[in-house]
Amino acid sequence: MMTSSYKFSKVALDIVAFHSKCTRALTFQNVCQIFWEKGNPVKVVNLTTKEEAKSPANILKMLNRLGGAHAIGRIDIVENRYVGIKSRGVYETPGMS
C-alpha cells in the first residue's frame, strides 16, 4: 500500500482576489494522507482533525470540502471559438485536483 501526504496551506490572496470565494480561503493548513492500492485511493485521513474517509464517494466529498475551503481546483478560462466568439467558463473540481 502506498501513501501520499499533502499540505493544503495558505493561498496567495493577492493573486486570486478577483474571485470572492478565493479571497475567503482558509489561512491555516490541513495535512491529509491518501492511501493507495493498485493506483486507486482507498482511504483519506485528515491528520489535522483525525477525520477519515474510506468509500469513494466519501473520499471525494472530503477532498471537495477541504480543497474548496482552501480555493484549490478553480480555473477561469477565456477562449476564442472557431466561429469567432469568445467564451468564458469557470470550473471547480477541488476533489479531483
N, C-alpha and C. Protein backbone atom coordinates (compact mmCIF):
# COMPACT_ATOMS: atom_id res chain seq x y z
N MET A 1 0.83 -1.16 0.00
CA MET A 1 0.00 0.00 0.00
C MET A 1 0.88 1.23 0.00
N MET A 2 0.59 2.17 -0.91
CA MET A 2 1.33 3.42 -1.00
C MET A 2 0.57 4.50 -0.24
N THR A 3 1.28 5.49 0.25
CA THR A 3 0.64 6.64 0.89
C THR A 3 1.22 7.92 0.31
N SER A 4 0.39 8.95 0.30
CA SER A 4 0.81 10.28 -0.13
C SER A 4 0.36 11.27 0.92
N SER A 5 1.16 12.26 1.20
CA SER A 5 0.79 13.31 2.15
C SER A 5 0.78 14.63 1.42
N TYR A 6 -0.24 15.42 1.66
CA TYR A 6 -0.38 16.73 1.03
C TYR A 6 -0.66 17.76 2.10
N LYS A 7 -0.10 18.95 1.93
CA LYS A 7 -0.38 20.05 2.83
C LYS A 7 -1.17 21.11 2.07
N PHE A 8 -2.37 21.41 2.55
CA PHE A 8 -3.17 22.48 1.99
C PHE A 8 -2.87 23.72 2.81
N SER A 9 -2.08 24.62 2.26
CA SER A 9 -1.60 25.76 3.06
C SER A 9 -2.22 27.06 2.56
N LYS A 10 -1.77 28.16 3.08
CA LYS A 10 -2.31 29.48 2.80
C LYS A 10 -2.23 29.82 1.32
N VAL A 11 -3.31 30.35 0.79
CA VAL A 11 -3.38 30.75 -0.62
C VAL A 11 -2.90 32.19 -0.74
N ALA A 12 -2.17 32.49 -1.79
CA ALA A 12 -1.72 33.86 -2.02
C ALA A 12 -2.94 34.69 -2.42
N LEU A 13 -3.52 35.38 -1.47
CA LEU A 13 -4.79 36.06 -1.68
C LEU A 13 -4.73 37.18 -2.70
N ASP A 14 -3.58 37.82 -2.87
CA ASP A 14 -3.50 38.89 -3.85
C ASP A 14 -3.60 38.36 -5.28
N ILE A 15 -3.24 37.11 -5.51
CA ILE A 15 -3.31 36.53 -6.86
C ILE A 15 -4.74 36.17 -7.21
N VAL A 16 -5.51 35.70 -6.24
CA VAL A 16 -6.85 35.21 -6.52
C VAL A 16 -7.94 36.17 -6.02
N ALA A 17 -7.60 37.43 -5.81
CA ALA A 17 -8.55 38.38 -5.26
C ALA A 17 -9.71 38.68 -6.20
N PHE A 18 -9.62 38.30 -7.48
CA PHE A 18 -10.69 38.56 -8.42
C PHE A 18 -11.94 37.75 -8.12
N HIS A 19 -11.85 36.74 -7.33
CA HIS A 19 -13.00 35.90 -7.04
C HIS A 19 -13.28 35.92 -5.55
N SER A 20 -14.52 36.20 -5.18
CA SER A 20 -14.84 36.39 -3.77
C SER A 20 -14.62 35.14 -2.93
N LYS A 21 -14.91 33.95 -3.49
CA LYS A 21 -14.72 32.74 -2.70
C LYS A 21 -13.24 32.50 -2.43
N CYS A 22 -12.40 32.82 -3.38
CA CYS A 22 -10.97 32.63 -3.20
C CYS A 22 -10.41 33.57 -2.14
N THR A 23 -10.97 34.76 -2.01
CA THR A 23 -10.46 35.69 -1.01
C THR A 23 -10.85 35.27 0.39
N ARG A 24 -11.82 34.36 0.51
CA ARG A 24 -12.20 33.86 1.82
C ARG A 24 -11.57 32.51 2.11
N ALA A 25 -10.51 32.17 1.41
CA ALA A 25 -9.85 30.88 1.61
C ALA A 25 -9.26 30.80 3.01
N LEU A 26 -9.25 29.60 3.55
CA LEU A 26 -8.71 29.40 4.89
C LEU A 26 -7.22 29.70 4.92
N THR A 27 -6.76 30.24 6.04
CA THR A 27 -5.35 30.61 6.14
C THR A 27 -4.55 29.64 7.01
N PHE A 28 -5.19 28.59 7.52
CA PHE A 28 -4.44 27.58 8.26
C PHE A 28 -4.33 26.34 7.38
N GLN A 29 -3.42 25.45 7.72
CA GLN A 29 -3.22 24.29 6.86
C GLN A 29 -3.89 23.05 7.43
N ASN A 30 -4.37 22.20 6.54
CA ASN A 30 -4.84 20.87 6.86
C ASN A 30 -3.86 19.90 6.23
N VAL A 31 -3.41 18.92 6.96
CA VAL A 31 -2.49 17.91 6.43
C VAL A 31 -3.30 16.64 6.20
N CYS A 32 -3.28 16.16 4.97
CA CYS A 32 -4.05 14.96 4.60
C CYS A 32 -3.10 13.87 4.13
N GLN A 33 -3.48 12.64 4.40
CA GLN A 33 -2.73 11.48 3.94
C GLN A 33 -3.67 10.62 3.11
N ILE A 34 -3.23 10.25 1.91
CA ILE A 34 -4.04 9.43 1.00
C ILE A 34 -3.38 8.07 0.88
N PHE A 35 -4.15 7.01 1.10
CA PHE A 35 -3.67 5.64 0.99
C PHE A 35 -4.13 5.07 -0.36
N TRP A 36 -3.21 4.46 -1.08
CA TRP A 36 -3.48 3.95 -2.44
C TRP A 36 -3.29 2.43 -2.48
N GLU A 37 -4.12 1.76 -3.27
CA GLU A 37 -3.93 0.35 -3.60
C GLU A 37 -4.17 0.19 -5.10
N LYS A 38 -3.16 -0.31 -5.80
CA LYS A 38 -3.24 -0.53 -7.24
C LYS A 38 -3.68 0.72 -8.01
N GLY A 39 -3.19 1.86 -7.58
CA GLY A 39 -3.48 3.11 -8.28
C GLY A 39 -4.80 3.76 -7.91
N ASN A 40 -5.54 3.19 -6.98
CA ASN A 40 -6.83 3.75 -6.57
C ASN A 40 -6.75 4.22 -5.11
N PRO A 41 -7.34 5.39 -4.81
CA PRO A 41 -7.36 5.83 -3.42
C PRO A 41 -8.33 4.97 -2.61
N VAL A 42 -7.89 4.45 -1.48
CA VAL A 42 -8.74 3.59 -0.66
C VAL A 42 -9.09 4.24 0.68
N LYS A 43 -8.31 5.26 1.10
CA LYS A 43 -8.59 5.92 2.37
C LYS A 43 -7.91 7.28 2.38
N VAL A 44 -8.59 8.25 2.95
CA VAL A 44 -8.02 9.58 3.15
C VAL A 44 -8.18 9.92 4.62
N VAL A 45 -7.09 10.38 5.23
CA VAL A 45 -7.12 10.77 6.64
C VAL A 45 -6.66 12.22 6.74
N ASN A 46 -7.50 13.05 7.36
CA ASN A 46 -7.11 14.42 7.67
C ASN A 46 -6.36 14.37 8.99
N LEU A 47 -5.05 14.51 8.93
CA LEU A 47 -4.22 14.38 10.12
C LEU A 47 -4.40 15.54 11.10
N THR A 48 -4.97 16.64 10.63
CA THR A 48 -5.22 17.78 11.49
C THR A 48 -6.42 17.53 12.41
N THR A 49 -7.50 16.97 11.84
CA THR A 49 -8.74 16.76 12.62
C THR A 49 -9.00 15.29 12.93
N LYS A 50 -8.16 14.39 12.42
CA LYS A 50 -8.30 12.94 12.59
C LYS A 50 -9.56 12.39 11.89
N GLU A 51 -10.12 13.15 10.95
CA GLU A 51 -11.27 12.69 10.17
C GLU A 51 -10.80 11.68 9.13
N GLU A 52 -11.63 10.69 8.83
CA GLU A 52 -11.25 9.61 7.93
C GLU A 52 -12.37 9.32 6.95
N ALA A 53 -12.02 9.03 5.70
CA ALA A 53 -13.00 8.65 4.67
C ALA A 53 -12.47 7.42 3.95
N LYS A 54 -13.35 6.42 3.74
CA LYS A 54 -12.91 5.17 3.12
C LYS A 54 -13.62 4.85 1.80
N SER A 55 -14.89 5.17 1.66
CA SER A 55 -15.60 4.84 0.41
C SER A 55 -15.27 5.89 -0.64
N PRO A 56 -15.33 5.54 -1.93
CA PRO A 56 -15.01 6.52 -2.98
C PRO A 56 -15.85 7.79 -2.90
N ALA A 57 -17.14 7.65 -2.60
CA ALA A 57 -18.00 8.84 -2.50
C ALA A 57 -17.59 9.72 -1.33
N ASN A 58 -17.29 9.12 -0.19
CA ASN A 58 -16.88 9.90 0.98
C ASN A 58 -15.50 10.52 0.81
N ILE A 59 -14.60 9.82 0.10
CA ILE A 59 -13.27 10.39 -0.20
C ILE A 59 -13.43 11.64 -1.04
N LEU A 60 -14.26 11.57 -2.09
CA LEU A 60 -14.47 12.72 -2.96
C LEU A 60 -15.15 13.87 -2.22
N LYS A 61 -16.14 13.57 -1.37
CA LYS A 61 -16.79 14.61 -0.58
C LYS A 61 -15.81 15.31 0.34
N MET A 62 -14.96 14.52 1.00
CA MET A 62 -13.99 15.09 1.93
C MET A 62 -12.97 15.97 1.19
N LEU A 63 -12.45 15.47 0.07
CA LEU A 63 -11.46 16.25 -0.69
C LEU A 63 -12.09 17.48 -1.32
N ASN A 64 -13.35 17.39 -1.74
CA ASN A 64 -14.06 18.57 -2.26
C ASN A 64 -14.21 19.63 -1.18
N ARG A 65 -14.57 19.22 0.03
CA ARG A 65 -14.75 20.15 1.12
C ARG A 65 -13.42 20.80 1.51
N LEU A 66 -12.37 19.99 1.66
CA LEU A 66 -11.07 20.53 2.05
C LEU A 66 -10.46 21.40 0.96
N GLY A 67 -10.48 20.90 -0.27
CA GLY A 67 -9.91 21.68 -1.37
C GLY A 67 -10.68 22.96 -1.64
N GLY A 68 -12.01 22.88 -1.57
CA GLY A 68 -12.83 24.07 -1.80
C GLY A 68 -12.60 25.13 -0.73
N ALA A 69 -12.40 24.71 0.50
CA ALA A 69 -12.16 25.66 1.60
C ALA A 69 -10.84 26.39 1.42
N HIS A 70 -9.88 25.78 0.73
CA HIS A 70 -8.57 26.39 0.50
C HIS A 70 -8.43 26.94 -0.92
N ALA A 71 -9.56 27.03 -1.65
CA ALA A 71 -9.58 27.59 -3.02
C ALA A 71 -8.69 26.81 -3.97
N ILE A 72 -8.68 25.50 -3.84
CA ILE A 72 -7.92 24.63 -4.74
C ILE A 72 -8.86 24.08 -5.80
N GLY A 73 -8.40 23.98 -7.02
CA GLY A 73 -9.19 23.35 -8.07
C GLY A 73 -10.12 24.28 -8.81
N ARG A 74 -9.86 25.56 -8.80
CA ARG A 74 -10.70 26.52 -9.53
C ARG A 74 -9.91 27.05 -10.72
N ILE A 75 -10.59 27.16 -11.86
CA ILE A 75 -9.95 27.73 -13.04
C ILE A 75 -10.96 28.56 -13.80
N ASP A 76 -10.51 29.69 -14.30
CA ASP A 76 -11.34 30.60 -15.10
C ASP A 76 -10.70 30.66 -16.49
N ILE A 77 -11.44 30.21 -17.49
CA ILE A 77 -10.88 30.10 -18.85
C ILE A 77 -11.62 31.05 -19.79
N VAL A 78 -10.86 31.82 -20.57
CA VAL A 78 -11.42 32.62 -21.66
C VAL A 78 -10.75 32.11 -22.93
N GLU A 79 -11.56 31.73 -23.90
CA GLU A 79 -11.00 31.16 -25.13
C GLU A 79 -11.70 31.73 -26.36
N ASN A 80 -10.99 31.73 -27.47
CA ASN A 80 -11.55 32.14 -28.76
C ASN A 80 -12.12 30.90 -29.44
N ARG A 81 -13.37 30.97 -29.81
CA ARG A 81 -14.02 29.85 -30.50
C ARG A 81 -13.76 29.95 -32.00
N TYR A 82 -13.92 28.83 -32.66
CA TYR A 82 -13.67 28.76 -34.11
C TYR A 82 -14.59 29.70 -34.89
N VAL A 83 -15.80 29.91 -34.39
CA VAL A 83 -16.77 30.74 -35.11
C VAL A 83 -16.58 32.22 -34.85
N GLY A 84 -15.57 32.60 -34.09
CA GLY A 84 -15.23 33.99 -33.91
C GLY A 84 -15.77 34.64 -32.65
N ILE A 85 -16.26 33.88 -31.70
CA ILE A 85 -16.73 34.46 -30.45
C ILE A 85 -15.80 34.05 -29.32
N LYS A 86 -15.84 34.83 -28.27
CA LYS A 86 -15.06 34.48 -27.08
C LYS A 86 -15.98 33.78 -26.10
N SER A 87 -15.44 32.79 -25.43
CA SER A 87 -16.20 32.00 -24.46
C SER A 87 -15.48 32.04 -23.13
N ARG A 88 -16.27 32.14 -22.06
CA ARG A 88 -15.68 32.15 -20.72
C ARG A 88 -16.33 31.06 -19.88
N GLY A 89 -15.51 30.30 -19.17
CA GLY A 89 -16.03 29.25 -18.31
C GLY A 89 -15.26 29.20 -17.01
N VAL A 90 -15.98 28.96 -15.92
CA VAL A 90 -15.37 28.80 -14.61
C VAL A 90 -15.65 27.37 -14.17
N TYR A 91 -14.61 26.63 -13.87
CA TYR A 91 -14.73 25.23 -13.49
C TYR A 91 -14.17 25.04 -12.09
N GLU A 92 -14.85 24.21 -11.31
CA GLU A 92 -14.39 23.95 -9.94
C GLU A 92 -14.46 22.45 -9.66
N THR A 93 -13.30 21.85 -9.44
CA THR A 93 -13.20 20.42 -9.10
C THR A 93 -12.11 20.24 -8.05
N PRO A 94 -12.32 20.73 -6.84
CA PRO A 94 -11.26 20.64 -5.84
C PRO A 94 -10.88 19.21 -5.46
N GLY A 95 -11.83 18.30 -5.42
CA GLY A 95 -11.52 16.93 -5.01
C GLY A 95 -10.72 16.16 -6.04
N MET A 96 -10.73 16.62 -7.28
CA MET A 96 -10.02 15.91 -8.34
C MET A 96 -8.69 16.58 -8.69
N SER A 97 -8.37 17.68 -8.03
CA SER A 97 -7.14 18.41 -8.36
C SER A 97 -5.93 17.84 -7.68
